[in-house]
Protein backbone atom coordinates (compact mmCIF):
# COMPACT_ATOMS: atom_id res chain seq x y z
CA PHE A 1 16.84 30.02 83.41
CA PHE A 2 13.38 29.95 84.94
CA SER A 3 14.20 32.02 87.98
CA GLU A 4 17.26 34.04 88.93
CA ASN A 5 16.61 33.84 92.67
CA SER A 6 15.06 30.42 93.44
CA SER A 7 16.99 27.64 95.12
CA PRO A 8 17.37 24.38 93.15
CA MET A 9 16.35 22.50 96.38
CA LEU A 10 12.70 23.76 96.31
CA THR A 11 9.92 21.25 95.78
CA MET A 12 7.48 21.88 92.93
CA ASP A 13 4.88 23.14 95.42
CA GLU A 14 7.40 25.50 97.06
CA TRP A 15 8.62 26.63 93.59
CA ALA A 16 5.09 27.49 92.54
CA GLN A 17 4.27 29.32 95.78
CA ALA A 18 7.56 31.26 95.61
CA SER A 19 6.46 32.83 92.34
CA PHE A 20 4.16 35.18 94.25
CA GLY A 21 7.19 36.90 95.84
CA ASP A 22 9.68 36.59 93.02
CA ALA A 23 10.02 39.29 90.37
CA THR A 24 11.88 37.08 87.89
CA TYR A 25 8.96 34.71 87.07
CA THR A 26 5.21 34.27 87.43
CA TYR A 27 3.85 30.73 87.80
CA HIS A 28 0.17 30.03 88.39
CA PHE A 29 -2.11 27.05 87.85
CA SER A 30 0.95 25.04 86.82
CA LYS A 31 1.68 27.40 83.99
CA TYR A 32 4.19 30.17 83.27
CA SER A 33 2.94 33.56 82.19
CA CYS A 34 6.17 35.58 82.72
CA LEU A 35 9.93 34.79 82.70
CA ARG A 36 12.33 37.64 82.98
CA SER A 37 14.97 35.83 80.84
CA PHE A 38 12.56 35.69 77.95
CA TYR A 39 12.40 39.50 77.88
CA PHE A 40 16.02 39.60 76.69
CA ILE A 41 15.39 36.79 74.19
CA HIS A 42 12.46 38.81 72.89
CA ILE A 43 14.55 41.97 72.50
CA VAL A 44 17.27 40.12 70.62
CA PHE A 45 14.78 38.77 68.11
CA ASN A 46 13.26 42.20 67.64
CA TRP A 47 16.67 43.63 66.77
CA LEU A 48 17.26 40.75 64.40
CA ILE A 49 13.88 41.66 62.76
CA THR A 50 15.04 45.28 62.41
CA ILE A 51 18.38 44.37 60.89
CA SER A 52 17.01 41.71 58.46
CA GLY A 53 14.21 44.08 57.36
CA LEU A 54 16.61 46.92 56.80
CA TRP A 55 18.87 44.63 54.80
CA CYS A 56 15.87 43.68 52.62
CA PHE A 57 15.66 47.28 51.48
CA LEU A 58 19.40 47.96 51.20
CA SER A 59 20.01 44.80 49.20
CA ARG A 60 17.87 46.20 46.32
CA LEU A 61 20.33 49.13 45.86
CA TRP A 62 23.20 47.05 44.47
CA PRO A 63 22.68 44.32 41.90
CA ARG A 64 25.42 42.12 43.35
CA LEU A 65 23.37 41.91 46.59
CA TYR A 66 20.04 41.04 44.95
CA TRP A 67 20.49 37.32 45.86
CA THR A 68 20.51 38.24 49.58
CA HIS A 69 17.10 39.93 49.33
CA ALA A 70 15.01 36.78 49.44
CA TRP A 71 17.09 35.24 52.18
CA SER A 72 16.87 38.32 54.42
CA GLY A 73 13.12 38.30 53.87
CA ARG A 74 12.92 34.73 54.94
CA LEU A 75 14.94 35.53 58.01
CA TYR A 76 12.55 38.37 58.76
CA PHE A 77 9.67 35.95 58.87
CA VAL A 78 11.61 33.45 61.02
CA PHE A 79 12.70 36.11 63.55
CA MET A 80 9.13 37.43 63.66
CA ILE A 81 7.82 33.96 64.57
CA TRP A 82 10.33 33.60 67.42
CA SER A 83 9.76 37.19 68.61
CA MET A 84 6.03 36.44 68.94
CA ALA A 85 6.78 33.12 70.69
CA SER A 86 9.06 34.72 73.23
CA SER A 87 6.51 37.50 73.88
CA LEU A 88 4.12 34.86 75.23
CA LEU A 89 6.28 34.57 78.37
CA ILE A 90 6.69 38.26 79.20
CA HIS A 91 3.10 38.98 80.11
CA ASN A 92 2.35 41.42 82.97
CA THR A 93 -0.53 43.81 82.18
CA GLY A 94 -1.38 43.12 78.52
CA LEU A 95 -1.21 45.40 75.47
CA GLY A 96 -2.69 48.79 74.78
CA VAL A 97 -5.15 49.32 71.85
CA ALA A 98 -2.58 51.36 69.92
CA VAL A 99 0.02 48.61 70.23
CA LEU A 100 -2.47 46.02 69.07
CA PHE A 101 -3.29 48.09 65.96
CA SER A 102 0.44 48.46 65.32
CA PHE A 103 0.91 44.68 65.48
CA LEU A 104 -2.07 44.25 63.17
CA TRP A 105 -0.26 46.37 60.55
CA VAL A 106 2.91 44.30 61.13
CA LEU A 107 1.16 40.98 60.59
CA LEU A 108 -1.26 42.00 57.83
CA GLY A 109 1.56 43.73 55.98
CA MET A 110 3.91 40.76 55.95
CA THR A 111 1.12 38.23 55.28
CA ILE A 112 -0.37 40.04 52.20
CA ALA A 113 3.19 40.93 51.02
CA TRP A 114 4.17 37.26 51.06
CA PHE A 115 1.18 36.25 48.90
CA LEU A 116 1.84 39.10 46.48
CA ILE A 117 5.49 38.18 45.94
CA VAL A 118 4.52 34.54 45.34
CA LEU A 119 2.05 35.70 42.69
CA HIS A 120 4.74 37.90 41.14
CA GLN A 121 7.20 35.04 41.00
CA GLN A 122 4.61 32.69 39.46
CA LYS A 123 3.71 35.27 36.84
CA MET A 124 7.34 35.89 35.97
CA THR A 125 8.17 32.17 35.78
CA LYS A 126 5.18 31.52 33.55
CA GLN A 127 5.99 34.32 31.13
CA ALA A 128 9.67 33.52 31.02
CA THR A 129 8.95 29.83 30.34
CA LEU A 130 6.59 30.70 27.47
CA ASN A 131 9.24 33.03 26.00
CA VAL A 132 11.94 30.44 26.18
CA GLN A 133 9.69 27.80 24.72
CA GLU A 134 9.01 30.09 21.75
CA THR A 135 12.74 30.66 21.36
CA ILE A 136 13.42 26.94 21.39
CA LYS A 137 10.82 26.37 18.70
CA GLN A 138 12.50 29.01 16.49
CA THR A 139 16.21 28.58 17.10
CA GLY A 140 16.65 25.63 19.43
CA LEU A 141 18.28 25.64 22.85
CA ASN A 142 21.95 26.42 23.41
CA GLY A 143 22.86 25.69 27.03
CA ASP A 144 20.96 24.96 30.20
CA LEU A 145 17.12 25.36 30.23
CA ALA A 146 16.94 26.57 33.82
CA GLU A 147 19.62 29.23 33.12
CA ALA A 148 17.74 30.30 29.97
CA ILE A 149 14.56 30.83 31.94
CA GLN A 150 16.45 32.77 34.63
CA GLN A 151 18.01 35.06 32.10
CA GLU A 152 14.64 35.61 30.46
CA LYS A 153 13.24 36.70 33.78
CA LYS A 154 15.96 39.31 34.03
CA HIS A 155 15.18 40.46 30.47
CA ILE A 156 11.46 40.81 31.29
CA ALA A 157 12.21 42.81 34.45
CA ALA A 158 14.66 45.14 32.69
CA SER A 159 12.20 45.84 29.82
CA LYS A 160 9.34 47.02 32.11
CA THR A 161 8.28 50.68 32.06
CA PHE A 162 8.22 52.92 35.11
CA ALA A 163 4.45 52.57 35.32
CA GLN A 164 4.64 48.77 35.09
CA ARG A 165 7.13 48.73 37.97
CA MET A 166 5.13 51.11 40.19
CA PHE A 167 1.76 49.40 39.64
CA SER A 168 2.74 45.79 40.23
CA TYR A 169 2.54 43.00 42.74
CA LYS A 170 6.23 43.52 43.53
CA ALA A 171 5.78 47.25 44.30
CA VAL A 172 2.86 46.64 46.63
CA HIS A 173 4.89 43.84 48.21
CA GLY A 174 7.67 46.29 49.05
CA MET A 175 5.26 48.91 50.43
CA LEU A 176 3.55 46.43 52.69
CA MET A 177 6.82 44.95 53.97
CA PHE A 178 8.01 48.46 54.72
CA THR A 179 4.79 49.10 56.67
CA SER A 180 5.35 45.82 58.63
CA TRP A 181 8.96 46.63 59.36
CA PHE A 182 8.42 50.30 60.23
CA ASN A 183 5.95 49.41 63.01
CA ILE A 184 8.45 47.02 64.62
CA VAL A 185 11.25 49.65 64.38
CA GLY A 186 8.98 52.28 65.98
CA ARG A 187 8.04 49.89 68.77
CA ILE A 188 11.71 49.15 69.55
CA PHE A 189 12.69 52.79 69.93
CA ALA A 190 9.53 53.61 71.98
CA SER A 191 10.18 50.69 74.42
CA ASN A 192 12.20 50.62 77.58
CA GLN A 193 15.39 48.58 76.87
CA SER A 194 17.19 49.38 80.09
CA GLY A 195 17.06 45.77 81.18
CA ASP A 196 15.04 46.43 84.37
CA PHE A 197 12.13 44.25 83.24
CA THR A 198 10.41 42.36 86.04
CA CYS A 199 7.40 40.01 86.39
CA TYR A 200 5.42 42.21 88.79
CA THR A 201 1.83 41.00 88.46
CA TYR A 202 -0.09 37.92 89.50
CA PRO A 203 -3.57 36.89 88.18
CA VAL A 204 -6.69 36.79 90.35
CA TYR A 205 -10.18 35.41 89.67
CA LYS A 206 -12.87 37.91 88.76
CA PRO A 207 -15.72 38.19 91.33
CA ILE A 208 -18.13 36.50 88.98
CA ASP A 209 -19.37 32.92 88.59
CA THR A 210 -17.93 30.88 85.76
CA LYS A 211 -17.32 27.14 85.18
CA HIS A 212 -13.80 27.68 86.42
CA PHE A 213 -14.54 29.52 89.69
CA ASN A 214 -17.58 30.77 91.60
CA GLY A 215 -16.33 34.17 92.68
CA THR A 216 -19.42 36.24 93.41
CA SER A 217 -19.31 35.55 97.13
CA TYR A 218 -15.55 36.00 97.43
CA PRO A 219 -13.20 39.01 97.29
CA MET A 220 -10.49 39.12 94.72
CA THR A 221 -8.94 35.61 94.92
CA PRO A 222 -5.45 34.80 93.56
CA VAL A 223 -5.33 31.97 90.97
CA PRO A 224 -3.83 28.86 92.70
CA ALA A 225 -0.15 28.19 92.06
CA LEU A 226 -0.84 24.59 91.12
CA ASP A 227 -3.55 23.00 88.97
CA PRO A 228 -4.97 20.05 91.00
CA ASP A 229 -6.00 18.30 87.79
CA TYR A 230 -2.71 18.93 85.95
CA ALA A 231 -2.15 15.23 85.34
CA ARG A 232 -5.48 14.67 83.66
């Protein structure tokens, strides 16, 4: 799992040193920065993000699938978390500025969209509850209260005008989620998915003096494989 080429008989020191000549993992200062196996985990979660996001939009086209919309949205968030987590272990040379801006749209879009849909739901619940309370005062309650509130929500949604639908928390939620999803989809199709990913870089200290290393009088120095104070 951690290396496709290393022998299970290696000591920890040998294992760490072997990272320098192994393209399947990078291990330095007693830490992992790259594992080839996590590249494939990352790709799987990105495809799950793509599928769950697409289903969010498709589920709004048929009333019988409306109930799956919220669940596919929740899965979108879960898959995004695990995609980001797995990306922490496929580091070679960092990210370009354009990619960083793309990810900014992804995260801002889904974050703001989540708050907006919560506000929408709270607003709908409050209005539906007030309407049902007024109905109970006038005619009493026939049946289940929770079901009455749910049906009132549907009535409120169905009675909205086109302008009310377009200029609403829910509409902006949809636009922002599309922006988030679209940037992930674009990234997938612009990325190399041939499976030839390797861990081909190793960190070195900069030739400057810091509290971690005095490098001004040294050439480029590789970061040690093991942290001497790891047990602290």
